[in-house]
Amino acid sequence: MDATLKRQNLEEFLDLNSATVMMGEPDDLEFLEECFELFRSRAEREVVLYAEWVQSGKSDDVKKSAHALKSASAAIGAVQIARLFAELESGPRSERCYAIQEEFGRLSSFWRNYQEAKRS
């Protein structure tokens, strides 16, 4: 997949203008892909635990994780989920956990489709 097509596909689910401001690498899509994969792998482990953590009174764990993932998602241009992490960080509640799980599922789906398109 050439760089223009990569960029177009990535722009379907990431704000690349925001990402390049945060990362300082406007043309390094491979670096952005690596950063997204790091974000995705950490979020995949933690997002599924949020509702359980909230219900069991582990609000500090939720806040710490949400803070870290907020920063990581903003850096890669995933601005919608970064906003959701910010809301969760300010007040861990179950409905916010489910909103993040839903948005993360959407991002993961876009990522899988992007990876498949790259292989084609």
Protein backbone atom coordinates (compact mmCIF):
# COMPACT_ATOMS: atom_id res chain seq x y z
CA MET A 1 0.00 0.00 0.00
CA ASP A 2 1.49 3.35 -0.96
CA ALA A 3 1.86 6.21 1.53
CA THR A 4 -1.07 8.22 0.14
CA LEU A 5 -3.46 5.29 0.43
CA LYS A 6 -2.12 4.47 3.92
CA ARG A 7 -2.73 8.05 4.98
CA GLN A 8 -6.27 8.04 3.60
CA ASN A 9 -7.08 4.79 5.36
CA LEU A 10 -5.60 5.95 8.67
CA GLU A 11 -7.54 9.21 8.42
CA GLU A 12 -10.77 7.20 8.53
CA PHE A 13 -10.25 6.61 12.25
CA LEU A 14 -7.40 8.88 13.40
CA ASP A 15 -6.98 12.64 13.33
CA LEU A 16 -3.55 12.72 11.71
CA ASN A 17 -3.22 16.48 12.15
CA SER A 18 -3.56 16.00 15.89
CA ALA A 19 -1.20 13.02 15.85
CA THR A 20 1.56 14.83 14.00
CA VAL A 21 1.38 17.78 16.40
CA MET A 22 1.76 15.45 19.38
CA MET A 23 4.35 13.13 17.84
CA GLY A 24 6.22 15.54 15.59
CA GLU A 25 6.55 12.98 12.79
CA PRO A 26 4.13 14.06 10.05
CA ASP A 27 5.27 11.63 7.37
CA ASP A 28 6.34 8.65 9.44
CA LEU A 29 3.25 6.48 9.13
CA GLU A 30 5.16 3.36 10.18
CA PHE A 31 6.01 5.05 13.49
CA LEU A 32 2.37 6.02 13.92
CA GLU A 33 1.34 2.41 13.22
CA GLU A 34 3.78 1.17 15.87
CA CYS A 35 2.44 3.68 18.39
CA PHE A 36 -1.14 2.71 17.60
CA GLU A 37 -0.30 -0.94 18.11
CA LEU A 38 1.29 -0.20 21.50
CA PHE A 39 -1.78 1.80 22.51
CA ARG A 40 -4.11 -0.92 21.24
CA SER A 41 -2.35 -3.74 23.08
CA ARG A 42 -2.39 -1.90 26.41
CA ALA A 43 -5.96 -0.68 26.01
CA GLU A 44 -7.09 -4.17 25.02
CA ARG A 45 -5.86 -5.51 28.37
CA GLU A 46 -7.21 -2.70 30.55
CA VAL A 47 -10.44 -1.43 28.97
CA VAL A 48 -12.21 -4.74 29.56
CA LEU A 49 -11.44 -4.45 33.29
CA TYR A 50 -12.81 -0.94 33.85
CA ALA A 51 -16.40 -1.83 34.74
CA GLU A 52 -15.17 -4.52 37.13
CA TRP A 53 -12.73 -2.07 38.73
CA VAL A 54 -15.45 0.56 39.18
CA GLN A 55 -17.85 -1.95 40.75
CA SER A 56 -15.19 -3.25 43.14
CA GLY A 57 -14.18 0.24 44.28
CA LYS A 58 -10.85 0.43 42.43
CA SER A 59 -11.48 3.95 41.17
CA ASP A 60 -7.83 4.92 41.54
CA ASP A 61 -6.79 2.08 39.21
CA VAL A 62 -9.35 3.27 36.66
CA LYS A 63 -8.15 6.87 36.91
CA LYS A 64 -4.48 5.94 36.52
CA SER A 65 -5.16 3.74 33.52
CA ALA A 66 -7.54 6.26 31.93
CA HIS A 67 -4.96 9.02 32.38
CA ALA A 68 -2.23 7.02 30.64
CA LEU A 69 -4.49 5.83 27.83
CA LYS A 70 -5.92 9.35 27.39
CA SER A 71 -2.44 10.67 26.68
CA ALA A 72 -1.51 7.76 24.42
CA SER A 73 -4.71 7.95 22.40
CA ALA A 74 -4.41 11.73 21.98
CA ALA A 75 -0.81 11.33 20.77
CA ILE A 76 -1.86 8.96 17.98
CA GLY A 77 -4.84 11.08 16.94
CA ALA A 78 -7.62 8.93 18.42
CA VAL A 79 -9.30 12.07 19.74
CA GLN A 80 -12.78 10.66 20.37
CA ILE A 81 -11.57 7.92 22.69
CA ALA A 82 -9.12 10.37 24.30
CA ARG A 83 -12.14 12.51 25.29
CA LEU A 84 -13.86 9.46 26.72
CA PHE A 85 -10.75 8.55 28.73
CA ALA A 86 -10.64 12.13 30.07
CA GLU A 87 -14.27 11.84 31.21
CA LEU A 88 -13.57 8.50 32.87
CA GLU A 89 -10.48 9.88 34.56
CA SER A 90 -12.52 12.74 36.05
CA GLY A 91 -15.20 10.42 37.38
CA PRO A 92 -15.11 6.63 37.01
CA ARG A 93 -18.64 5.38 36.34
CA SER A 94 -19.90 2.22 34.71
CA GLU A 95 -21.63 3.96 31.80
CA ARG A 96 -18.38 5.69 30.89
CA CYS A 97 -16.58 2.34 30.97
CA TYR A 98 -19.07 0.90 28.51
CA ALA A 99 -18.76 3.93 26.20
CA ILE A 100 -15.00 3.41 26.09
CA GLN A 101 -15.40 -0.31 25.43
CA GLU A 102 -17.72 0.49 22.53
CA GLU A 103 -15.39 3.10 21.03
CA PHE A 104 -12.38 0.85 21.52
CA GLY A 105 -14.23 -1.92 19.68
CA ARG A 106 -14.86 0.47 16.81
CA LEU A 107 -11.19 1.51 16.69
CA SER A 108 -10.08 -2.13 16.81
CA SER A 109 -12.37 -2.94 13.90
CA PHE A 110 -10.95 -0.08 11.83
CA TRP A 111 -7.43 -1.25 12.72
CA ARG A 112 -8.13 -4.82 11.59
CA ASN A 113 -9.61 -3.55 8.32
CA TYR A 114 -6.60 -1.28 7.81
CA GLN A 115 -4.17 -4.16 8.42
CA GLU A 116 -6.07 -6.38 5.97
CA ALA A 117 -6.05 -3.62 3.33
CA LYS A 118 -2.28 -3.25 3.75
CA ARG A 119 -1.78 -6.95 3.07
CA SER A 120 -3.93 -6.86 -0.08
